[in-house]
Protein backbone atom coordinates (compact mmCIF):
# COMPACT_ATOMS: atom_id res chain seq x y z
CA MET A 1 24.84 83.19 -38.31
CA SER A 2 21.20 84.27 -38.23
CA LYS A 3 20.31 81.51 -40.69
CA GLU A 4 21.82 78.89 -38.38
CA ILE A 5 19.83 80.37 -35.42
CA ASN A 6 16.66 80.27 -37.50
CA LYS A 7 17.32 76.62 -38.44
CA SER A 8 17.92 75.74 -34.80
CA SER A 9 14.74 77.52 -33.74
CA ILE A 10 12.71 75.71 -36.39
CA PHE A 11 14.20 72.34 -35.36
CA ILE A 12 13.38 72.98 -31.67
CA PHE A 13 9.87 74.08 -32.56
CA VAL A 14 9.19 70.98 -34.67
CA SER A 15 10.61 68.75 -31.93
CA MET A 16 8.31 70.33 -29.34
CA LEU A 17 5.30 69.74 -31.61
CA LEU A 18 6.28 66.08 -32.04
CA ILE A 19 6.65 65.64 -28.27
CA ILE A 20 3.26 67.25 -27.62
CA ASN A 21 1.66 65.08 -30.33
CA PHE A 22 3.35 61.96 -28.93
CA SER A 23 2.06 62.71 -25.41
CA PHE A 24 -1.44 63.32 -26.73
CA ASN A 25 -1.40 60.03 -28.66
CA VAL A 26 -0.19 58.07 -25.65
CA THR A 27 -3.08 59.45 -23.60
CA ALA A 28 -5.56 58.66 -26.35
CA GLN A 29 -4.19 55.15 -26.74
CA ASN A 30 -4.49 54.45 -23.01
CA ASN A 31 -8.16 55.39 -23.32
CA ASN A 32 -8.60 53.15 -26.36
CA LYS A 33 -7.10 49.68 -25.88
CA SER A 34 -8.19 48.61 -29.34
CA ASN A 35 -5.39 50.59 -30.95
CA ALA A 36 -2.45 49.13 -29.02
CA ASN A 37 -1.15 47.73 -25.73
CA VAL A 38 -3.31 44.60 -25.77
CA ASP A 39 -3.61 42.87 -22.41
CA VAL A 40 -1.81 39.60 -23.19
CA ASP A 41 -2.38 37.97 -19.79
CA LYS A 42 -6.12 37.77 -20.33
CA PHE A 43 -5.41 35.12 -22.97
CA TYR A 44 -3.65 32.88 -20.47
CA THR A 45 -4.57 33.35 -16.83
CA LYS A 46 -4.57 30.55 -14.31
CA ASN A 47 -4.40 30.62 -10.55
CA ILE A 48 -1.90 27.93 -9.59
CA SER A 49 -1.26 28.92 -5.99
CA ASP A 50 -3.24 25.96 -4.63
CA ILE A 51 -2.58 23.49 -7.47
CA PRO A 52 0.07 20.78 -6.91
CA ALA A 53 3.03 20.64 -9.30
CA LEU A 54 3.81 17.06 -10.38
CA THR A 55 7.06 15.88 -11.89
CA LEU A 56 7.22 13.10 -14.48
CA ASN A 57 8.01 10.54 -11.78
CA ASP A 58 5.07 11.80 -9.73
CA CYS A 59 2.72 11.29 -12.69
CA ILE A 60 4.08 7.80 -13.38
CA LYS A 61 3.82 6.75 -9.73
CA TYR A 62 0.26 8.05 -9.55
CA SER A 63 -0.64 6.14 -12.70
CA LEU A 64 0.93 2.88 -11.48
CA LYS A 65 -1.05 3.17 -8.27
CA ASN A 66 -4.44 4.32 -9.57
CA GLN A 67 -4.77 3.27 -13.23
CA PRO A 68 -7.67 0.75 -13.46
CA ALA A 69 -5.96 -1.28 -16.21
CA ILE A 70 -2.88 -1.80 -14.02
CA ASN A 71 -4.99 -2.66 -10.98
CA GLN A 72 -6.97 -5.09 -13.13
CA SER A 73 -3.75 -6.83 -14.16
CA LEU A 74 -2.76 -7.07 -10.49
CA ILE A 75 -6.15 -8.62 -9.70
CA ASP A 76 -5.65 -11.04 -12.60
CA GLN A 77 -2.30 -11.94 -11.05
CA SER A 78 -3.98 -12.71 -7.72
CA ILE A 79 -6.64 -14.76 -9.51
CA ALA A 80 -3.97 -16.78 -11.34
CA GLU A 81 -2.10 -17.42 -8.10
CA THR A 82 -5.34 -18.54 -6.46
CA ASN A 83 -6.07 -20.88 -9.38
CA ASN A 84 -2.59 -22.37 -8.95
CA ASN A 85 -3.29 -22.95 -5.28
CA LEU A 86 -6.60 -24.60 -6.16
CA ALA A 87 -4.89 -26.93 -8.63
CA ILE A 88 -2.07 -27.83 -6.23
CA SER A 89 -4.56 -28.50 -3.44
CA ASN A 90 -5.39 -31.80 -5.16
CA TRP A 91 -2.14 -33.16 -3.72
CA LEU A 92 -3.25 -32.45 -0.16
CA PRO A 93 -5.46 -34.84 1.81
CA GLN A 94 -9.16 -34.34 1.19
CA VAL A 95 -11.25 -34.72 4.37
CA MET A 96 -15.02 -34.96 4.17
CA GLY A 97 -17.71 -35.39 6.80
CA SER A 98 -21.32 -36.33 6.15
CA ALA A 99 -24.40 -37.67 7.93
CA ASN A 100 -27.75 -39.05 6.89
CA TYR A 101 -30.99 -40.30 8.35
CA THR A 102 -33.26 -42.87 6.67
CA ASN A 103 -36.75 -44.01 7.72
CA TYR A 104 -38.35 -47.01 6.08
CA PHE A 105 -42.15 -47.01 5.87
CA GLN A 106 -41.88 -50.63 4.76
CA LEU A 107 -38.88 -52.83 5.33
CA PRO A 108 -37.28 -54.42 2.28
CA THR A 109 -37.92 -58.11 1.65
CA VAL A 110 -35.15 -60.64 1.22
CA PHE A 111 -35.43 -64.26 0.12
CA SER A 112 -33.51 -67.18 1.47
CA ASN A 113 -33.40 -70.87 0.61
CA THR A 114 -34.46 -73.23 3.39
CA ASN A 115 -35.21 -76.93 3.56
CA SER A 116 -38.83 -76.14 3.09
CA GLY A 117 -38.16 -73.94 0.07
CA ILE A 118 -37.67 -70.22 -0.63
CA VAL A 119 -38.79 -68.09 2.28
CA SER A 120 -39.35 -64.32 2.19
CA VAL A 121 -38.32 -62.36 5.25
CA LYS A 122 -38.48 -58.67 6.13
CA SER A 123 -34.93 -57.40 6.61
CA GLY A 124 -33.46 -54.50 8.52
CA VAL A 125 -34.88 -51.93 10.90
CA TYR A 126 -37.07 -48.93 10.29
CA ASN A 127 -34.59 -46.17 11.29
CA TYR A 128 -31.01 -45.63 10.11
CA SER A 129 -28.58 -42.80 10.82
CA ILE A 130 -24.95 -42.95 9.62
CA PRO A 131 -22.46 -40.14 10.36
CA GLN A 132 -19.48 -40.69 8.03
CA PHE A 133 -15.88 -39.48 8.06
CA THR A 134 -13.77 -39.86 4.86
CA ILE A 135 -10.11 -39.14 4.07
CA SER A 136 -8.71 -39.45 0.53
CA GLN A 137 -5.18 -38.87 -0.72
CA ASN A 138 -3.85 -38.63 -4.28
CA ILE A 139 -0.86 -40.91 -4.74
CA TYR A 140 -0.40 -40.13 -8.43
CA SER A 141 -2.53 -38.23 -10.91
CA PRO A 142 -1.49 -36.79 -14.32
CA ASP A 143 -3.81 -33.81 -13.77
CA ALA A 144 -2.38 -33.00 -10.35
CA MET A 145 1.19 -33.51 -11.62
CA PHE A 146 0.60 -31.11 -14.53
CA ALA A 147 -0.91 -28.53 -12.18
CA VAL A 148 2.23 -28.52 -10.03
CA LYS A 149 4.58 -28.16 -13.00
CA ALA A 150 2.45 -25.49 -14.70
CA ALA A 151 1.87 -23.45 -11.53
CA LYS A 152 5.26 -21.73 -11.65
CA LEU A 153 4.98 -20.99 -15.37
CA ASN A 154 1.47 -19.59 -14.95
CA LYS A 155 2.70 -17.33 -12.17
CA THR A 156 5.55 -16.12 -14.38
CA ALA A 157 3.17 -15.48 -17.29
CA ILE A 158 0.77 -13.35 -15.28
CA SER A 159 3.67 -11.40 -13.70
CA GLN A 160 4.96 -10.65 -17.20
CA ASN A 161 1.48 -9.47 -18.19
CA VAL A 162 1.50 -7.01 -15.27
CA LEU A 163 4.95 -5.79 -16.27
CA SER A 164 3.85 -5.34 -19.90
CA THR A 165 0.87 -3.25 -18.80
CA LYS A 166 3.10 -1.07 -16.64
CA ILE A 167 5.61 -0.53 -19.46
CA ASN A 168 2.90 0.60 -21.86
CA PHE A 169 1.43 3.06 -19.37
CA ILE A 170 4.83 4.42 -18.35
CA SER A 171 5.55 5.09 -22.04
CA ASP A 172 2.13 6.67 -22.67
CA VAL A 173 2.19 8.80 -19.51
CA SER A 174 5.71 10.03 -20.30
CA LYS A 175 4.74 11.08 -23.82
CA ALA A 176 1.55 12.76 -22.64
CA TYR A 177 3.57 14.57 -19.95
CA TYR A 178 6.04 15.85 -22.53
CA ASP A 179 3.13 16.89 -24.75
CA VAL A 180 1.75 19.03 -21.92
CA LEU A 181 5.17 20.56 -21.33
CA LEU A 182 5.48 21.33 -25.03
CA SER A 183 2.17 23.21 -25.01
CA ILE A 184 3.19 25.16 -21.91
CA GLN A 185 6.48 26.16 -23.51
CA GLN A 186 4.72 27.09 -26.75
CA ILE A 187 2.35 29.32 -24.79
CA SER A 188 5.36 30.98 -23.20
CA VAL A 189 6.86 31.63 -26.64
CA TYR A 190 3.58 33.00 -27.97
CA LYS A 191 3.25 35.29 -24.94
CA GLU A 192 6.74 36.67 -25.50
CA ASP A 193 6.01 37.03 -29.20
CA THR A 194 2.71 38.78 -28.49
CA ALA A 195 4.43 41.13 -26.06
CA ARG A 196 7.02 42.03 -28.72
CA LEU A 197 4.33 42.54 -31.34
CA ASN A 198 2.29 44.58 -28.90
CA LYS A 199 5.27 46.87 -28.38
CA ASN A 200 5.92 47.00 -32.14
CA GLN A 201 2.31 47.94 -32.80
CA SER A 202 2.50 50.67 -30.19
CA ASP A 203 5.68 52.04 -31.79
CA ALA A 204 4.15 51.88 -35.28
CA PHE A 205 1.00 53.61 -34.03
CA HIS A 206 2.99 56.46 -32.52
CA ARG A 207 5.19 56.82 -35.58
CA TYR A 208 2.07 56.85 -37.77
CA LYS A 209 0.35 59.53 -35.66
CA SER A 210 3.55 61.53 -35.62
CA GLY A 211 3.65 61.49 -39.40
CA ILE A 212 6.99 59.69 -39.56
CA VAL A 213 5.53 56.68 -41.44
CA ASP A 214 2.30 55.97 -43.22
CA LYS A 215 -0.57 53.81 -42.02
CA VAL A 216 0.75 50.60 -43.62
CA ASP A 217 3.25 49.84 -40.85
CA TYR A 218 0.58 50.21 -38.17
CA LYS A 219 -1.82 47.93 -40.07
CA GLN A 220 0.87 45.31 -40.64
CA ALA A 221 1.77 45.43 -36.95
CA THR A 222 -1.90 44.98 -36.02
CA ILE A 223 -2.26 41.99 -38.36
CA ALA A 224 0.84 40.33 -36.92
CA LEU A 225 -0.39 40.97 -33.36
CA ASN A 226 -3.83 39.52 -34.09
CA ASN A 227 -2.27 36.40 -35.60
CA SER A 228 -0.05 35.95 -32.56
CA LEU A 229 -3.02 36.39 -30.20
CA ALA A 230 -4.93 33.75 -32.16
CA LYS A 231 -2.01 31.33 -31.84
CA LEU A 232 -1.80 32.05 -28.12
CA LYS A 233 -5.52 31.39 -27.67
CA THR A 234 -5.34 28.15 -29.68
CA ALA A 235 -2.33 26.90 -27.73
CA ASN A 236 -4.10 27.65 -24.45
CA GLU A 237 -7.18 25.66 -25.50
CA LEU A 238 -5.04 22.75 -26.71
CA LEU A 239 -3.29 22.70 -23.36
CA ASN A 240 -6.58 21.90 -21.63
CA SER A 241 -7.18 18.92 -23.92
CA LYS A 242 -3.64 17.62 -23.39
CA TYR A 243 -4.06 17.88 -19.62
CA ALA A 244 -7.27 15.84 -20.03
CA ILE A 245 -5.37 13.10 -21.90
CA LEU A 246 -2.67 13.00 -19.23
CA LYS A 247 -5.32 12.82 -16.49
CA GLN A 248 -7.00 9.91 -18.24
CA LEU A 249 -3.75 7.97 -18.47
CA MET A 250 -3.00 8.72 -14.81
CA ALA A 251 -6.59 8.01 -13.69
CA TYR A 252 -6.45 11.44 -12.07
CA PRO A 253 -9.82 12.90 -10.93
CA ALA A 254 -11.30 15.06 -13.68
CA ASN A 255 -12.58 17.65 -11.19
CA LYS A 256 -9.10 18.25 -9.76
CA SER A 257 -6.20 20.12 -11.30
CA PHE A 258 -2.43 19.94 -11.23
CA THR A 259 0.48 21.55 -13.02
CA VAL A 260 3.62 19.92 -14.33
CA GLY A 261 6.87 20.72 -12.60
CA TYR A 262 10.14 20.26 -14.43
CA ASP A 263 13.83 21.12 -14.31
CA THR A 264 14.93 22.52 -17.68
CA THR A 265 18.61 21.79 -17.02
CA LYS A 266 17.94 18.19 -16.06
CA MET A 267 15.60 17.79 -19.01
CA LEU A 268 18.33 18.89 -21.40
CA GLU A 269 20.72 16.43 -19.75
CA ASP A 270 18.20 13.58 -20.06
CA ILE A 271 17.90 13.77 -23.83
CA TYR A 272 20.97 11.59 -24.36
CA ILE A 273 21.08 7.79 -24.52
CA ASP A 274 23.74 5.32 -25.61
CA THR A 275 22.73 4.26 -29.13
CA LEU A 276 25.75 1.95 -29.46
CA ALA A 277 24.48 -0.49 -26.82
CA PRO A 278 23.72 -3.87 -28.45
CA LEU A 279 20.11 -4.93 -28.81
CA GLN A 280 19.21 -7.84 -26.54
CA PHE A 281 15.92 -9.44 -27.54
CA GLU A 282 15.49 -11.14 -24.18
CA ASN A 283 15.05 -7.72 -22.55
CA ARG A 284 11.78 -7.17 -24.41
CA ILE A 285 8.76 -8.21 -22.36
CA GLU A 286 6.93 -9.42 -25.49
CA TYR A 287 9.79 -11.83 -26.21
CA GLN A 288 9.78 -13.06 -22.62
CA GLN A 289 6.02 -13.62 -22.74
CA LEU A 290 6.31 -15.77 -25.86
CA LEU A 291 9.09 -17.87 -24.32
CA THR A 292 6.92 -18.48 -21.26
CA THR A 293 3.95 -19.40 -23.45
CA LYS A 294 6.17 -21.85 -25.34
CA LEU A 295 7.27 -23.48 -22.08
CA ILE A 296 3.63 -23.86 -21.07
CA ALA A 297 2.89 -25.42 -24.47
CA GLY A 298 5.75 -27.87 -23.89
CA GLN A 299 4.19 -28.81 -20.56
CA ASN A 300 0.89 -29.46 -22.35
CA VAL A 301 2.63 -31.89 -24.72
CA MET A 302 4.17 -33.75 -21.78
CA TYR A 303 0.83 -33.82 -19.98
CA TYR A 304 -0.99 -35.47 -22.87
CA LYS A 305 1.86 -37.93 -23.36
CA MET A 306 1.67 -38.97 -19.70
CA ALA A 307 -2.13 -39.05 -19.65
CA TYR A 308 -2.11 -42.83 -20.28
CA LEU A 309 -0.66 -43.41 -16.79
CA PRO A 310 -3.16 -44.53 -14.16
CA SER A 311 -4.43 -42.37 -11.35
CA ILE A 312 -3.91 -43.85 -7.91
CA SER A 313 -5.50 -42.67 -4.69
CA ALA A 314 -6.01 -44.06 -1.18
CA PHE A 315 -9.05 -43.57 0.99
CA TYR A 316 -10.19 -44.29 4.52
CA ASN A 317 -13.83 -44.33 5.69
CA TYR A 318 -15.14 -44.44 9.22
CA ASN A 319 -18.87 -44.90 9.71
CA TYR A 320 -20.68 -44.55 13.03
CA GLU A 321 -23.93 -46.33 12.23
CA PHE A 322 -27.11 -46.19 14.32
CA GLU A 323 -30.05 -48.55 13.80
CA SER A 324 -33.34 -48.99 15.56
CA ASN A 325 -36.99 -49.80 14.88
CA HIS A 326 -37.99 -46.94 17.13
CA PHE A 327 -36.76 -43.40 16.53
CA SER A 328 -36.61 -42.68 20.26
CA ASP A 329 -34.04 -45.45 20.69
CA LEU A 330 -32.13 -44.72 17.49
CA TYR A 331 -29.05 -43.10 19.02
CA ASN A 332 -28.83 -45.34 22.10
CA LYS A 333 -26.35 -47.78 20.63
CA PRO A 334 -23.88 -47.27 17.73
CA TYR A 335 -22.59 -49.93 15.34
CA PRO A 336 -19.33 -48.43 14.03
CA TYR A 337 -17.27 -49.82 11.17
CA SER A 338 -14.33 -48.55 9.10
CA LEU A 339 -12.46 -49.42 5.93
CA LEU A 340 -9.23 -48.60 4.12
CA GLY A 341 -8.72 -48.93 0.40
CA VAL A 342 -6.77 -47.97 -2.72
CA GLN A 343 -8.38 -46.90 -5.99
CA LEU A 344 -6.74 -47.38 -9.37
CA SER A 345 -8.10 -45.73 -12.53
CA ILE A 346 -6.62 -46.69 -15.92
CA PRO A 347 -7.62 -44.90 -19.18
CA VAL A 348 -7.80 -47.98 -21.44
CA PHE A 349 -9.37 -46.33 -24.53
CA THR A 350 -10.52 -42.73 -24.91
CA GLY A 351 -11.47 -42.65 -28.58
CA PHE A 352 -7.97 -41.46 -29.67
CA ARG A 353 -8.54 -38.28 -27.67
CA ARG A 354 -5.09 -38.47 -26.08
CA LEU A 355 -3.29 -38.85 -29.42
CA ASP A 356 -5.24 -35.98 -30.96
CA ASN A 357 -4.45 -33.77 -27.97
CA ILE A 358 -0.76 -34.59 -28.32
CA HIS A 359 -0.83 -33.69 -32.01
CA LYS A 360 -2.70 -30.47 -31.30
CA ALA A 361 -0.28 -29.45 -28.53
CA LYS A 362 2.73 -30.09 -30.80
CA LEU A 363 1.21 -27.93 -33.55
CA GLN A 364 0.62 -25.13 -31.06
CA GLU A 365 4.24 -25.42 -29.94
CA GLN A 366 5.46 -25.19 -33.55
CA ARG A 367 3.27 -22.16 -34.13
CA LEU A 368 4.83 -20.44 -31.12
CA ASP A 369 8.27 -21.03 -32.65
CA LEU A 370 7.12 -19.07 -35.69
CA ASP A 371 5.67 -16.36 -33.43
CA ILE A 372 9.07 -16.02 -31.76
CA GLU A 373 10.80 -15.69 -35.15
CA GLN A 374 8.28 -13.07 -36.19
CA ILE A 375 8.57 -11.01 -33.01
CA VAL A 376 12.38 -11.06 -33.26
CA LEU A 377 12.09 -9.47 -36.70
CA GLY A 378 9.54 -6.97 -35.39
CA ILE A 379 11.67 -6.03 -32.39
CA TYR A 380 14.70 -5.43 -34.61
CA THR A 381 12.65 -3.24 -36.96
CA GLN A 382 11.25 -1.23 -34.04
CA TYR A 383 14.76 -0.79 -32.66
CA VAL A 384 16.18 0.42 -35.99
CA GLN A 385 13.28 2.84 -36.51
CA ALA A 386 13.45 4.15 -32.93
CA THR A 387 17.22 4.64 -33.21
CA ALA A 388 16.88 6.48 -36.52
CA ASN A 389 14.12 8.73 -35.16
CA TYR A 390 16.11 9.52 -32.04
CA LYS A 391 19.30 10.37 -33.93
CA SER A 392 17.51 12.54 -36.48
CA ASN A 393 15.51 14.34 -33.78
CA LEU A 394 18.68 14.93 -31.76
CA TYR A 395 20.45 16.41 -34.77
CA TYR A 396 17.43 18.57 -35.59
CA PHE A 397 17.32 19.75 -31.97
CA LYS A 398 20.93 20.88 -32.08
CA THR A 399 20.45 22.80 -35.33
CA GLN A 400 17.29 24.48 -34.04
CA LYS A 401 19.13 25.56 -30.91
CA GLU A 402 21.64 27.39 -33.11
CA ASN A 403 18.83 28.85 -35.23
CA VAL A 404 17.15 30.38 -32.16
CA GLU A 405 20.33 32.17 -31.15
CA MET A 406 20.85 33.52 -34.67
CA ALA A 407 17.18 34.49 -35.08
CA LYS A 408 17.30 36.50 -31.84
CA GLU A 409 20.41 38.31 -33.00
CA VAL A 410 18.88 39.05 -36.43
CA TYR A 411 15.66 40.33 -34.88
CA ASP A 412 17.46 42.72 -32.53
CA ILE A 413 19.56 44.10 -35.41
CA VAL A 414 16.61 44.52 -37.79
CA LYS A 415 14.48 46.17 -35.11
CA PHE A 416 17.29 48.65 -34.35
CA GLN A 417 17.75 49.36 -38.06
CA TYR A 418 14.01 49.96 -38.44
CA ARG A 419 14.04 52.52 -35.65
CA GLU A 420 16.92 54.22 -37.38
CA GLY A 421 15.00 54.26 -40.66
CA ILE A 422 17.29 51.82 -42.44
CA LYS A 423 14.91 48.85 -42.68
CA THR A 424 11.19 48.72 -43.47
CA TYR A 425 8.63 47.35 -41.04
CA LEU A 426 8.15 44.38 -43.34
CA ASP A 427 11.71 43.37 -42.50
CA VAL A 428 10.83 43.55 -38.81
CA ILE A 429 7.80 41.30 -39.37
CA VAL A 430 9.91 38.75 -41.27
CA ALA A 431 12.62 38.76 -38.57
CA GLU A 432 10.05 38.43 -35.81
CA SER A 433 8.30 35.57 -37.67
CA ASP A 434 11.63 33.79 -38.14
CA LEU A 435 12.36 34.18 -34.42
CA GLN A 436 8.97 32.76 -33.43
CA THR A 437 9.30 29.88 -35.89
CA SER A 438 12.80 29.07 -34.64
CA GLU A 439 11.68 29.08 -31.01
CA ILE A 440 8.67 26.84 -31.75
CA ASN A 441 10.81 24.49 -33.84
CA TYR A 442 13.35 24.33 -31.03
CA LEU A 443 10.68 23.35 -28.51
CA ASN A 444 9.17 20.79 -30.88
CA ALA A 445 12.61 19.32 -31.46
CA LEU A 446 13.35 19.14 -27.72
CA PHE A 447 10.22 17.22 -26.87
CA GLN A 448 10.46 15.07 -30.00
CA VAL A 449 13.89 13.98 -28.78
CA LEU A 450 12.50 13.17 -25.33
CA SER A 451 9.57 11.21 -26.80
CA SER A 452 11.80 9.35 -29.27
CA LYS A 453 14.11 8.48 -26.38
CA ILE A 454 11.13 6.82 -24.64
CA ASP A 455 10.40 4.86 -27.83
CA LEU A 456 14.04 3.80 -28.10
CA LYS A 457 14.23 2.64 -24.48
CA LYS A 458 10.99 0.72 -24.96
CA ALA A 459 12.33 -0.86 -28.16
CA MET A 460 15.52 -1.88 -26.34
CA GLY A 461 13.53 -3.26 -23.40
CA VAL A 462 15.27 -1.02 -20.87
CA LEU A 463 12.41 1.29 -19.90
CA GLN A 464 12.53 1.56 -16.11
CA THR A 465 9.43 0.31 -14.27
CA ASP A 466 10.56 0.29 -10.64
CA ILE A 467 9.92 4.00 -10.10
C-alpha cells in the first residue's frame, strides 16, 4: 500500500514539474517569436474595405467598354460605314457652284474673210464674270454599281472583325480572372497550412523543452514552417503580377485596385458543358469572316467582268454671264445661258488591264476556297483538343476532390497518433505535405476545368459576347 502511495506521489510531483516547465516555456516563447507562433497575417495583409469587388461579368463588361483594341475596332467599323456612304454618294446628284472674273489687258484678235481680203478685228470685251451652277447625275457606272453591292458585305466584314476582337478579349479576360482566383485560393491554402505548421512547431517546441522528444522534431517542424511561409510569400507576390495582367486586359487604371468577387457554389456548377453537342463550323467567327471575304472576292470578279460597260451621266449647266468694257458697268446687265447634256464614256482598250484583273480576282477567289478548307481542318482540330483537355481536366478535378477529403482524414488521424506517441513527427510532416499537395492540386484542377471550358466554348463558336 505504501509503495502505491509513493508511486502516486512521484507521478504527481513529476506532473507538477512538467506543468511548471510548460508554463515557463510558453512565457519564454511569447517573448521570443522566432521560436514559434509566427504571425502569418503579416505575409498577406491587404485592406479591402474601400476596394470594389468585381465578378467575372463585371470584368468582361469593363473590358468591352474600355479596352483600346475593342474601341479601335468600333472606330474602324464607323470608318468602314463612312467609306460605304462615300462610295454610294456617287449615285446621288452632284451639285456644284462656281464663279470667276477675267480681265483682259489686251483683247484677243480674230480674223474674218471679207470682199477686200482677210481682216483682223479685236473681239470681246475687257471684263468677264461668269457665276456657274452645275448639276450632274450618274445614270450608270460600273464603279458606283460595285460600291452599292459591296457596301453591305463591307459592313458585315467589319462587324465580324469587331465580334472577333470581343471574343478574343472575353476569352483572355476570363482566363486571367480565373488565374487571379487560383492564386487567391492558393494563398488561402498556404495560410491554413502555415497555421497548422505553426501550431505543430509550437507543440514540438513544448514537447522538446519538456523532454518528451528530442530536438529533431522541433527542427523538422521549423523547416516545414519556413517552407510554407516561403510558398505563401511567393504566392502573394505572384498574385500582384496576375492582377496586373488582368488590369491590362481590362484597360483598368494601374493606380486603382479591385478584388475579385465570386460564388464558389455557382463556380462549381459552371464547370459543366455539353460535350456531345455537334460541332457547327458556321458558328466560328473565323469561318464567317472567310465566307464574307469570299463573297467580296466574287463581287470583285463581277466588277471586272462588267467594267467594259460604258459609264453614262447627265449634266445641266446654267451660266449667268456678265460682260463689259468697264468694270464699273460689269454687273449692270447679265447675259444668261444654260445647257443640258448626256456624257457617254466607253473603255475601248485598256491594255488588257480588265482581263488581267479578272484573272487575278479569280485566283484570289480560288485561294480563299483553300483557306476555307484549311480553317475547317483547323477548327476541327481545335475542337477535338479542347474537348479532350476539358474531359481530362474534369476527371482530374473529380479525383482531386476525393483526394482532399482522404488527405484531411489521414492528417487528422496521424496527428492524433503522434500526440499519443504512436507515430513519429516525420509521419505528421508527410501527412501534412500530402494534404497541402492535394488541396493545391484540387484548386489547380478546378480552374483548369474552367479555363478549358472557355477554350471549348471558343472552339465551338458559342462563347457568349452579349454580356
